[in-house]
Amino acid sequence: MDPGIEHYSCMVDLYARIGCLKEAMNLIEQMPFEADRCIAPGNKSLGKKVAELITDLDPDNSGACVQLSSIFETSGEWEKSEQIRKLMRDKRIQKNLSFSWAKS
């Protein structure tokens, strides 16, 4: 059985609730789909909280910045999303490319 959106969402939620923010972020970065698809409407506030905490702890974390921007976009908070993108441009933070060594 391949894990789906619901599985990833649940695991990110669990990691965040127990304070394992690095593990939550690692899982978000490794998901085979965009994180904004993973965050259900009831979990947007949790997603924002996790991404904001990570960006507070590690402001140059490109993954957290991109996820926070995406969460703001899906919430219709376009100005906040643009603020994050501007911060990334100003600080020259670039999105890390993802890849896998696994063969299909």
PDB file of N, CA and C in Angstrom:
ATOM      1  N   MET A   1       0.837  -1.180   0.000  1.00  0.00           N
ATOM      2  CA  MET A   1       0.000   0.000   0.000  1.00  0.00           C
ATOM      3  C   MET A   1       0.883   1.244   0.000  1.00  0.00           C
ATOM      4  N   ASP A   2       0.630   2.134  -0.937  1.00  0.00           N
ATOM      5  CA  ASP A   2       1.363   3.398  -0.995  1.00  0.00           C
ATOM      6  C   ASP A   2       0.658   4.429  -0.123  1.00  0.00           C
ATOM      7  N   PRO A   3       1.423   5.169   0.686  1.00  0.00           N
ATOM      8  CA  PRO A   3       0.787   6.204   1.509  1.00  0.00           C
ATOM      9  C   PRO A   3       0.199   7.308   0.635  1.00  0.00           C
ATOM     10  N   GLY A   4      -0.964   7.785   1.018  1.00  0.00           N
ATOM     11  CA  GLY A   4      -1.638   8.856   0.286  1.00  0.00           C
ATOM     12  C   GLY A   4      -1.562  10.165   1.036  1.00  0.00           C
ATOM     13  N   ILE A   5      -2.285  11.126   0.519  1.00  0.00           N
ATOM     14  CA  ILE A   5      -2.310  12.463   1.113  1.00  0.00           C
ATOM     15  C   ILE A   5      -2.719  12.406   2.578  1.00  0.00           C
ATOM     16  N   GLU A   6      -3.738  11.598   2.873  1.00  0.00           N
ATOM     17  CA  GLU A   6      -4.236  11.513   4.242  1.00  0.00           C
ATOM     18  C   GLU A   6      -3.159  11.002   5.195  1.00  0.00           C
ATOM     19  N   HIS A   7      -2.346  10.037   4.749  1.00  0.00           N
ATOM     20  CA  HIS A   7      -1.296   9.476   5.592  1.00  0.00           C
ATOM     21  C   HIS A   7      -0.225  10.520   5.906  1.00  0.00           C
ATOM     22  N   TYR A   8       0.200  11.235   4.871  1.00  0.00           N
ATOM     23  CA  TYR A   8       1.212  12.263   5.082  1.00  0.00           C
ATOM     24  C   TYR A   8       0.685  13.377   5.985  1.00  0.00           C
ATOM     25  N   SER A   9      -0.540  13.794   5.761  1.00  0.00           N
ATOM     26  CA  SER A   9      -1.139  14.838   6.571  1.00  0.00           C
ATOM     27  C   SER A   9      -1.185  14.429   8.044  1.00  0.00           C
ATOM     28  N   CYS A  10      -1.560  13.197   8.275  1.00  0.00           N
ATOM     29  CA  CYS A  10      -1.642  12.685   9.644  1.00  0.00           C
ATOM     30  C   CYS A  10      -0.262  12.668  10.304  1.00  0.00           C
ATOM     31  N   MET A  11       0.747  12.209   9.569  1.00  0.00           N
ATOM     32  CA  MET A  11       2.096  12.134  10.132  1.00  0.00           C
ATOM     33  C   MET A  11       2.673  13.524  10.407  1.00  0.00           C
ATOM     34  N   VAL A  12       2.464  14.463   9.497  1.00  0.00           N
ATOM     35  CA  VAL A  12       2.937  15.831   9.717  1.00  0.00           C
ATOM     36  C   VAL A  12       2.253  16.403  10.954  1.00  0.00           C
ATOM     37  N   ASP A  13       0.960  16.164  11.075  1.00  0.00           N
ATOM     38  CA  ASP A  13       0.195  16.627  12.235  1.00  0.00           C
ATOM     39  C   ASP A  13       0.758  16.029  13.523  1.00  0.00           C
ATOM     40  N   LEU A  14       1.031  14.740  13.524  1.00  0.00           N
ATOM     41  CA  LEU A  14       1.572  14.079  14.716  1.00  0.00           C
ATOM     42  C   LEU A  14       2.944  14.634  15.087  1.00  0.00           C
ATOM     43  N   TYR A  15       3.829  14.748  14.113  1.00  0.00           N
ATOM     44  CA  TYR A  15       5.151  15.305  14.391  1.00  0.00           C
ATOM     45  C   TYR A  15       5.038  16.715  14.978  1.00  0.00           C
ATOM     46  N   ALA A  16       4.197  17.532  14.372  1.00  0.00           N
ATOM     47  CA  ALA A  16       4.056  18.915  14.838  1.00  0.00           C
ATOM     48  C   ALA A  16       3.505  18.975  16.257  1.00  0.00           C
ATOM     49  N   ARG A  17       2.547  18.130  16.554  1.00  0.00           N
ATOM     50  CA  ARG A  17       1.927  18.163  17.883  1.00  0.00           C
ATOM     51  C   ARG A  17       2.879  17.745  19.002  1.00  0.00           C
ATOM     52  N   ILE A  18       3.863  16.896  18.668  1.00  0.00           N
ATOM     53  CA  ILE A  18       4.804  16.473  19.712  1.00  0.00           C
ATOM     54  C   ILE A  18       6.094  17.288  19.678  1.00  0.00           C
ATOM     55  N   GLY A  19       6.115  18.321  18.839  1.00  0.00           N
ATOM     56  CA  GLY A  19       7.248  19.233  18.814  1.00  0.00           C
ATOM     57  C   GLY A  19       8.412  18.800  17.943  1.00  0.00           C
ATOM     58  N   CYS A  20       8.218  17.798  17.113  1.00  0.00           N
ATOM     59  CA  CYS A  20       9.283  17.322  16.210  1.00  0.00           C
ATOM     60  C   CYS A  20       9.179  18.053  14.874  1.00  0.00           C
ATOM     61  N   LEU A  21       9.505  19.339  14.898  1.00  0.00           N
ATOM     62  CA  LEU A  21       9.307  20.169  13.720  1.00  0.00           C
ATOM     63  C   LEU A  21      10.262  19.818  12.582  1.00  0.00           C
ATOM     64  N   LYS A  22      11.491  19.426  12.917  1.00  0.00           N
ATOM     65  CA  LYS A  22      12.423  19.041  11.853  1.00  0.00           C
ATOM     66  C   LYS A  22      11.924  17.797  11.128  1.00  0.00           C
ATOM     67  N   GLU A  23      11.396  16.846  11.885  1.00  0.00           N
ATOM     68  CA  GLU A  23      10.855  15.635  11.275  1.00  0.00           C
ATOM     69  C   GLU A  23       9.636  15.950  10.419  1.00  0.00           C
ATOM     70  N   ALA A  24       8.789  16.859  10.907  1.00  0.00           N
ATOM     71  CA  ALA A  24       7.609  17.267  10.135  1.00  0.00           C
ATOM     72  C   ALA A  24       8.045  17.912   8.829  1.00  0.00           C
ATOM     73  N   MET A  25       9.037  18.795   8.903  1.00  0.00           N
ATOM     74  CA  MET A  25       9.499  19.475   7.703  1.00  0.00           C
ATOM     75  C   MET A  25      10.159  18.498   6.737  1.00  0.00           C
ATOM     76  N   ASN A  26      10.955  17.570   7.254  1.00  0.00           N
ATOM     77  CA  ASN A  26      11.585  16.567   6.390  1.00  0.00           C
ATOM     78  C   ASN A  26      10.532  15.756   5.647  1.00  0.00           C
ATOM     79  N   LEU A  27       9.479  15.384   6.347  1.00  0.00           N
ATOM     80  CA  LEU A  27       8.412  14.617   5.710  1.00  0.00           C
ATOM     81  C   LEU A  27       7.711  15.449   4.642  1.00  0.00           C
ATOM     82  N   ILE A  28       7.451  16.714   4.939  1.00  0.00           N
ATOM     83  CA  ILE A  28       6.816  17.605   3.966  1.00  0.00           C
ATOM     84  C   ILE A  28       7.680  17.714   2.715  1.00  0.00           C
ATOM     85  N   GLU A  29       8.992  17.855   2.904  1.00  0.00           N
ATOM     86  CA  GLU A  29       9.895  18.008   1.759  1.00  0.00           C
ATOM     87  C   GLU A  29      10.013  16.734   0.926  1.00  0.00           C
ATOM     88  N   GLN A  30       9.762  15.572   1.534  1.00  0.00           N
ATOM     89  CA  GLN A  30       9.908  14.299   0.829  1.00  0.00           C
ATOM     90  C   GLN A  30       8.615  13.796   0.201  1.00  0.00           C
ATOM     91  N   MET A  31       7.511  14.480   0.446  1.00  0.00           N
ATOM     92  CA  MET A  31       6.237  14.008  -0.094  1.00  0.00           C
ATOM     93  C   MET A  31       6.272  14.011  -1.615  1.00  0.00           C
ATOM     94  N   PRO A  32       5.622  13.024  -2.234  1.00  0.00           N
ATOM     95  CA  PRO A  32       5.619  12.958  -3.696  1.00  0.00           C
ATOM     96  C   PRO A  32       4.609  13.897  -4.348  1.00  0.00           C
ATOM     97  N   PHE A  33       4.022  14.806  -3.591  1.00  0.00           N
ATOM     98  CA  PHE A  33       3.070  15.772  -4.122  1.00  0.00           C
ATOM     99  C   PHE A  33       3.215  17.054  -3.332  1.00  0.00           C
ATOM    100  N   GLU A  34       2.602  18.133  -3.816  1.00  0.00           N
ATOM    101  CA  GLU A  34       2.699  19.437  -3.161  1.00  0.00           C
ATOM    102  C   GLU A  34       2.037  19.403  -1.791  1.00  0.00           C
ATOM    103  N   ALA A  35       2.659  20.062  -0.831  1.00  0.00           N
ATOM    104  CA  ALA A  35       2.148  20.053   0.540  1.00  0.00           C
ATOM    105  C   ALA A  35       0.800  20.737   0.652  1.00  0.00           C
ATOM    106  N   ASP A  36       0.522  21.722  -0.211  1.00  0.00           N
ATOM    107  CA  ASP A  36      -0.760  22.408  -0.087  1.00  0.00           C
ATOM    108  C   ASP A  36      -1.926  21.463  -0.382  1.00  0.00           C
ATOM    109  N   ARG A  37      -1.685  20.372  -1.126  1.00  0.00           N
ATOM    110  CA  ARG A  37      -2.721  19.367  -1.349  1.00  0.00           C
ATOM    111  C   ARG A  37      -2.915  18.522  -0.099  1.00  0.00           C
ATOM    112  N   CYS A  38      -1.869  18.452   0.730  1.00  0.00           N
ATOM    113  CA  CYS A  38      -1.891  17.610   1.917  1.00  0.00           C
ATOM    114  C   CYS A  38      -2.639  18.264   3.072  1.00  0.00           C
ATOM    115  N   ILE A  39      -2.668  19.571   3.103  1.00  0.00           N
ATOM    116  CA  ILE A  39      -3.247  20.277   4.235  1.00  0.00           C
ATOM    117  C   ILE A  39      -4.730  20.477   3.999  1.00  0.00           C
ATOM    118  N   ALA A  40      -5.513  19.720   4.726  1.00  0.00           N
ATOM    119  CA  ALA A  40      -6.972  19.812   4.615  1.00  0.00           C
ATOM    120  C   ALA A  40      -7.426  21.138   5.203  1.00  0.00           C
ATOM    121  N   PRO A  41      -8.631  21.611   4.828  1.00  0.00           N
ATOM    122  CA  PRO A  41      -9.092  22.900   5.347  1.00  0.00           C
ATOM    123  C   PRO A  41      -9.007  23.026   6.870  1.00  0.00           C
ATOM    124  N   GLY A  42      -9.256  21.947   7.588  1.00  0.00           N
ATOM    125  CA  GLY A  42      -9.182  21.983   9.047  1.00  0.00           C
ATOM    126  C   GLY A  42      -7.762  22.043   9.566  1.00  0.00           C
ATOM    127  N   ASN A  43      -6.779  21.738   8.726  1.00  0.00           N
ATOM    128  CA  ASN A  43      -5.394  21.701   9.164  1.00  0.00           C
ATOM    129  C   ASN A  43      -4.570  22.889   8.676  1.00  0.00           C
ATOM    130  N   LYS A  44      -5.185  23.847   7.991  1.00  0.00           N
ATOM    131  CA  LYS A  44      -4.419  24.982   7.479  1.00  0.00           C
ATOM    132  C   LYS A  44      -3.771  25.764   8.609  1.00  0.00           C
ATOM    133  N   SER A  45      -4.476  25.947   9.704  1.00  0.00           N
ATOM    134  CA  SER A  45      -3.883  26.702  10.813  1.00  0.00           C
ATOM    135  C   SER A  45      -2.699  25.945  11.396  1.00  0.00           C
ATOM    136  N   LEU A  46      -2.787  24.618  11.461  1.00  0.00           N
ATOM    137  CA  LEU A  46      -1.659  23.823  11.940  1.00  0.00           C
ATOM    138  C   LEU A  46      -0.501  23.927  10.960  1.00  0.00           C
ATOM    139  N   GLY A  47      -0.789  23.842   9.678  1.00  0.00           N
ATOM    140  CA  GLY A  47       0.259  23.969   8.667  1.00  0.00           C
ATOM    141  C   GLY A  47       0.961  25.306   8.756  1.00  0.00           C
ATOM    142  N   LYS A  48       0.186  26.374   8.932  1.00  0.00           N
ATOM    143  CA  LYS A  48       0.776  27.713   9.077  1.00  0.00           C
ATOM    144  C   LYS A  48       1.667  27.755  10.300  1.00  0.00           C
ATOM    145  N   LYS A  49       1.171  27.200  11.403  1.00  0.00           N
ATOM    146  CA  LYS A  49       1.930  27.231  12.659  1.00  0.00           C
ATOM    147  C   LYS A  49       3.256  26.497  12.508  1.00  0.00           C
ATOM    148  N   VAL A  50       3.216  25.303  11.899  1.00  0.00           N
ATOM    149  CA  VAL A  50       4.444  24.532  11.711  1.00  0.00           C
ATOM    150  C   VAL A  50       5.428  25.299  10.836  1.00  0.00           C
ATOM    151  N   ALA A  51       4.960  25.787   9.694  1.00  0.00           N
ATOM    152  CA  ALA A  51       5.853  26.509   8.776  1.00  0.00           C
ATOM    153  C   ALA A  51       6.389  27.788   9.410  1.00  0.00           C
ATOM    154  N   GLU A  52       5.545  28.508  10.154  1.00  0.00           N
ATOM    155  CA  GLU A  52       5.996  29.737  10.810  1.00  0.00           C
ATOM    156  C   GLU A  52       7.043  29.424  11.883  1.00  0.00           C
ATOM    157  N   LEU A  53       6.832  28.347  12.658  1.00  0.00           N
ATOM    158  CA  LEU A  53       7.816  27.969  13.675  1.00  0.00           C
ATOM    159  C   LEU A  53       9.148  27.600  13.035  1.00  0.00           C
ATOM    160  N   ILE A  54       9.080  26.857  11.936  1.00  0.00           N
ATOM    161  CA  ILE A  54      10.309  26.463  11.259  1.00  0.00           C
ATOM    162  C   ILE A  54      11.026  27.683  10.691  1.00  0.00           C
ATOM    163  N   THR A  55      10.271  28.614  10.090  1.00  0.00           N
ATOM    164  CA  THR A  55      10.919  29.807   9.539  1.00  0.00           C
ATOM    165  C   THR A  55      11.467  30.700  10.648  1.00  0.00           C
ATOM    166  N   ASP A  56      10.847  30.671  11.834  1.00  0.00           N
ATOM    167  CA  ASP A  56      11.395  31.421  12.967  1.00  0.00           C
ATOM    168  C   ASP A  56      12.709  30.799  13.437  1.00  0.00           C
ATOM    169  N   LEU A  57      12.741  29.457  13.500  1.00  0.00           N
ATOM    170  CA  LEU A  57      13.938  28.762  13.961  1.00  0.00           C
ATOM    171  C   LEU A  57      15.050  28.775  12.919  1.00  0.00           C
ATOM    172  N   ASP A  58      14.671  28.680  11.666  1.00  0.00           N
ATOM    173  CA  ASP A  58      15.641  28.607  10.570  1.00  0.00           C
ATOM    174  C   ASP A  58      15.134  29.459   9.411  1.00  0.00           C
ATOM    175  N   PRO A  59      15.344  30.786   9.474  1.00  0.00           N
ATOM    176  CA  PRO A  59      14.771  31.694   8.480  1.00  0.00           C
ATOM    177  C   PRO A  59      15.234  31.437   7.049  1.00  0.00           C
ATOM    178  N   ASP A  60      16.335  30.735   6.871  1.00  0.00           N
ATOM    179  CA  ASP A  60      16.839  30.457   5.525  1.00  0.00           C
ATOM    180  C   ASP A  60      16.400  29.088   5.014  1.00  0.00           C
ATOM    181  N   ASN A  61      15.480  28.440   5.703  1.00  0.00           N
ATOM    182  CA  ASN A  61      14.984  27.127   5.294  1.00  0.00           C
ATOM    183  C   ASN A  61      14.047  27.317   4.104  1.00  0.00           C
ATOM    184  N   SER A  62      14.541  26.986   2.930  1.00  0.00           N
ATOM    185  CA  SER A  62      13.764  27.229   1.715  1.00  0.00           C
ATOM    186  C   SER A  62      12.469  26.433   1.696  1.00  0.00           C
ATOM    187  N   GLY A  63      12.518  25.210   2.201  1.00  0.00           N
ATOM    188  CA  GLY A  63      11.316  24.371   2.196  1.00  0.00           C
ATOM    189  C   GLY A  63      10.202  24.971   3.029  1.00  0.00           C
ATOM    190  N   ALA A  64      10.544  25.468   4.206  1.00  0.00           N
ATOM    191  CA  ALA A  64       9.537  26.070   5.076  1.00  0.00           C
ATOM    192  C   ALA A  64       8.974  27.339   4.449  1.00  0.00           C
ATOM    193  N   CYS A  65       9.846  28.135   3.843  1.00  0.00           N
ATOM    194  CA  CYS A  65       9.387  29.375   3.195  1.00  0.00           C
ATOM    195  C   CYS A  65       8.418  29.065   2.060  1.00  0.00           C
ATOM    196  N   VAL A  66       8.766  28.099   1.229  1.00  0.00           N
ATOM    197  CA  VAL A  66       7.910  27.744   0.089  1.00  0.00           C
ATOM    198  C   VAL A  66       6.580  27.186   0.587  1.00  0.00           C
ATOM    199  N   GLN A  67       6.621  26.321   1.604  1.00  0.00           N
ATOM    200  CA  GLN A  67       5.383  25.740   2.118  1.00  0.00           C
ATOM    201  C   GLN A  67       4.492  26.810   2.746  1.00  0.00           C
ATOM    202  N   LEU A  68       5.094  27.712   3.507  1.00  0.00           N
ATOM    203  CA  LEU A  68       4.311  28.779   4.130  1.00  0.00           C
ATOM    204  C   LEU A  68       3.676  29.664   3.061  1.00  0.00           C
ATOM    205  N   SER A  69       4.420  29.985   2.034  1.00  0.00           N
ATOM    206  CA  SER A  69       3.878  30.777   0.935  1.00  0.00           C
ATOM    207  C   SER A  69       2.706  30.049   0.270  1.00  0.00           C
ATOM    208  N   SER A  70       2.861  28.754   0.036  1.00  0.00           N
ATOM    209  CA  SER A  70       1.790  27.961  -0.582  1.00  0.00           C
ATOM    210  C   SER A  70       0.546  27.897   0.306  1.00  0.00           C
ATOM    211  N   ILE A  71       0.759  27.767   1.598  1.00  0.00           N
ATOM    212  CA  ILE A  71      -0.374  27.724   2.535  1.00  0.00           C
ATOM    213  C   ILE A  71      -1.126  29.050   2.498  1.00  0.00           C
ATOM    214  N   PHE A  72      -0.377  30.154   2.495  1.00  0.00           N
ATOM    215  CA  PHE A  72      -1.024  31.458   2.402  1.00  0.00           C
ATOM    216  C   PHE A  72      -1.810  31.583   1.100  1.00  0.00           C
ATOM    217  N   GLU A  73      -1.234  31.102  -0.004  1.00  0.00           N
ATOM    218  CA  GLU A  73      -1.924  31.170  -1.294  1.00  0.00           C
ATOM    219  C   GLU A  73      -3.230  30.392  -1.271  1.00  0.00           C
ATOM    220  N   THR A  74      -3.198  29.159  -0.746  1.00  0.00           N
ATOM    221  CA  THR A  74      -4.418  28.344  -0.732  1.00  0.00           C
ATOM    222  C   THR A  74      -5.461  28.909   0.224  1.00  0.00           C
ATOM    223  N   SER A  75      -5.019  29.742   1.165  1.00  0.00           N
ATOM    224  CA  SER A  75      -5.943  30.395   2.096  1.00  0.00           C
ATOM    225  C   SER A  75      -6.454  31.723   1.548  1.00  0.00           C
ATOM    226  N   GLY A  76      -5.953  32.109   0.367  1.00  0.00           N
ATOM    227  CA  GLY A  76      -6.362  33.386  -0.212  1.00  0.00           C
ATOM    228  C   GLY A  76      -5.649  34.574   0.388  1.00  0.00           C
ATOM    229  N   GLU A  77      -4.573  34.327   1.139  1.00  0.00           N
ATOM    230  CA  GLU A  77      -3.812  35.401   1.778  1.00  0.00           C
ATOM    231  C   GLU A  77      -2.639  35.763   0.864  1.00  0.00           C
ATOM    232  N   TRP A  78      -2.965  36.379  -0.265  1.00  0.00           N
ATOM    233  CA  TRP A  78      -1.993  36.646  -1.316  1.00  0.00           C
ATOM    234  C   TRP A  78      -0.899  37.610  -0.874  1.00  0.00           C
ATOM    235  N   GLU A  79      -1.232  38.611  -0.081  1.00  0.00           N
ATOM    236  CA  GLU A  79      -0.226  39.577   0.362  1.00  0.00           C
ATOM    237  C   GLU A  79       0.825  38.912   1.246  1.00  0.00           C
ATOM    238  N   LYS A  80       0.379  38.030   2.150  1.00  0.00           N
ATOM    239  CA  LYS A  80       1.323  37.326   3.019  1.00  0.00           C
ATOM    240  C   LYS A  80       2.200  36.384   2.210  1.00  0.00           C
ATOM    241  N   SER A  81       1.603  35.738   1.223  1.00  0.00           N
ATOM    242  CA  SER A  81       2.378  34.856   0.350  1.00  0.00           C
ATOM    243  C   SER A  81       3.457  35.643  -0.378  1.00  0.00           C
ATOM    244  N   GLU A  82       3.085  36.793  -0.907  1.00  0.00           N
ATOM    245  CA  GLU A  82       4.049  37.629  -1.633  1.00  0.00           C
ATOM    246  C   GLU A  82       5.134  38.143  -0.699  1.00  0.00           C
ATOM    247  N   GLN A  83       4.811  38.426   0.564  1.00  0.00           N
ATOM    248  CA  GLN A  83       5.825  38.857   1.527  1.00  0.00           C
ATOM    249  C   GLN A  83       6.886  37.773   1.714  1.00  0.00           C
ATOM    250  N   ILE A  84       6.442  36.530   1.796  1.00  0.00           N
ATOM    251  CA  ILE A  84       7.381  35.414   1.953  1.00  0.00           C
ATOM    252  C   ILE A  84       8.248  35.287   0.706  1.00  0.00           C
ATOM    253  N   ARG A  85       7.627  35.363  -0.479  1.00  0.00           N
ATOM    254  CA  ARG A  85       8.383  35.256  -1.736  1.00  0.00           C
ATOM    255  C   ARG A  85       9.378  36.416  -1.876  1.00  0.00           C
ATOM    256  N   LYS A  86       8.979  37.614  -1.455  1.00  0.00           N
ATOM    257  CA  LYS A  86       9.880  38.770  -1.511  1.00  0.00           C
ATOM    258  C   LYS A  86      11.058  38.558  -0.563  1.00  0.00           C
ATOM    259  N   LEU A  87      10.776  38.063   0.637  1.00  0.00           N
ATOM    260  CA  LEU A  87      11.835  37.761   1.596  1.00  0.00           C
ATOM    261  C   LEU A  87      12.836  36.768   0.990  1.00  0.00           C
ATOM    262  N   MET A  88      12.304  35.754   0.301  1.00  0.00           N
ATOM    263  CA  MET A  88      13.175  34.761  -0.340  1.00  0.00           C
ATOM    264  C   MET A  88      14.042  35.414  -1.418  1.00  0.00           C
ATOM    265  N   ARG A  89      13.442  36.287  -2.220  1.00  0.00           N
ATOM    266  CA  ARG A  89      14.221  36.975  -3.260  1.00  0.00           C
ATOM    267  C   ARG A  89      15.282  37.881  -2.641  1.00  0.00           C
ATOM    268  N   ASP A  90      14.877  38.661  -1.625  1.00  0.00           N
ATOM    269  CA  ASP A  90      15.798  39.595  -0.988  1.00  0.00           C
ATOM    270  C   ASP A  90      16.986  38.883  -0.340  1.00  0.00           C
ATOM    271  N   LYS A  91      16.714  37.730   0.276  1.00  0.00           N
ATOM    272  CA  LYS A  91      17.769  36.974   0.961  1.00  0.00           C
ATOM    273  C   LYS A  91      18.428  35.934   0.050  1.00  0.00           C
ATOM    274  N   ARG A  92      17.948  35.914  -1.213  1.00  0.00           N
ATOM    275  CA  ARG A  92      18.462  34.958  -2.213  1.00  0.00           C
ATOM    276  C   ARG A  92      18.321  33.510  -1.740  1.00  0.00           C
ATOM    277  N   ILE A  93      17.189  33.235  -1.142  1.00  0.00           N
ATOM    278  CA  ILE A  93      16.872  31.871  -0.720  1.00  0.00           C
ATOM    279  C   ILE A  93      16.226  31.177  -1.905  1.00  0.00           C
ATOM    280  N   GLN A  94      16.803  30.070  -2.328  1.00  0.00           N
ATOM    281  CA  GLN A  94      16.264  29.343  -3.471  1.00  0.00           C
ATOM    282  C   GLN A  94      15.664  28.023  -3.024  1.00  0.00           C
ATOM    283  N   LYS A  95      14.600  27.641  -3.696  1.00  0.00           N
ATOM    284  CA  LYS A  95      13.947  26.372  -3.415  1.00  0.00           C
ATOM    285  C   LYS A  95      14.898  25.241  -3.769  1.00  0.00           C
ATOM    286  N   ASN A  96      15.050  24.304  -2.841  1.00  0.00           N
ATOM    287  CA  ASN A  96      15.889  23.142  -3.091  1.00  0.00           C
ATOM    288  C   ASN A  96      15.166  22.178  -4.006  1.00  0.00           C
ATOM    289  N   LEU A  97      15.889  21.636  -4.958  1.00  0.00           N
ATOM    290  CA  LEU A  97      15.310  20.641  -5.849  1.00  0.00           C
ATOM    291  C   LEU A  97      15.242  19.305  -5.124  1.00  0.00           C
ATOM    292  N   SER A  98      14.153  18.591  -5.315  1.00  0.00           N
ATOM    293  CA  SER A  98      13.979  17.282  -4.705  1.00  0.00           C
ATOM    294  C   SER A  98      14.305  16.206  -5.718  1.00  0.00           C
ATOM    295  N   PHE A  99      14.853  15.109  -5.224  1.00  0.00           N
ATOM    296  CA  PHE A  99      15.097  13.966  -6.089  1.00  0.00           C
ATOM    297  C   PHE A  99      15.100  12.707  -5.234  1.00  0.00           C
ATOM    298  N   SER A 100      15.056  11.577  -5.886  1.00  0.00           N
ATOM    299  CA  SER A 100      15.019  10.300  -5.184  1.00  0.00           C
ATOM    300  C   SER A 100      15.991   9.342  -5.855  1.00  0.00           C
ATOM    301  N   TRP A 101      16.638   8.526  -5.051  1.00  0.00           N
ATOM    302  CA  TRP A 101      17.521   7.495  -5.575  1.00  0.00           C
ATOM    303  C   TRP A 101      16.755   6.212  -5.843  1.00  0.00           C
ATOM    304  N   ALA A 102      15.508   6.152  -5.413  1.00  0.00           N
ATOM    305  CA  ALA A 102      14.706   4.942  -5.577  1.00  0.00           C
ATOM    306  C   ALA A 102      14.378   4.733  -7.052  1.00  0.00           C
ATOM    307  N   LYS A 103      14.440   3.479  -7.489  1.00  0.00           N
ATOM    308  CA  LYS A 103      14.071   3.145  -8.855  1.00  0.00           C
ATOM    309  C   LYS A 103      12.652   2.615  -8.866  1.00  0.00           C
ATOM    310  N   SER A 104      11.896   2.955  -9.924  1.00  0.00           N
ATOM    311  CA  SER A 104      10.537   2.450  -9.992  1.00  0.00           C
ATOM    312  C   SER A 104      10.470   1.208 -10.829  1.00  0.00           C
TER     313      SER A 104
END
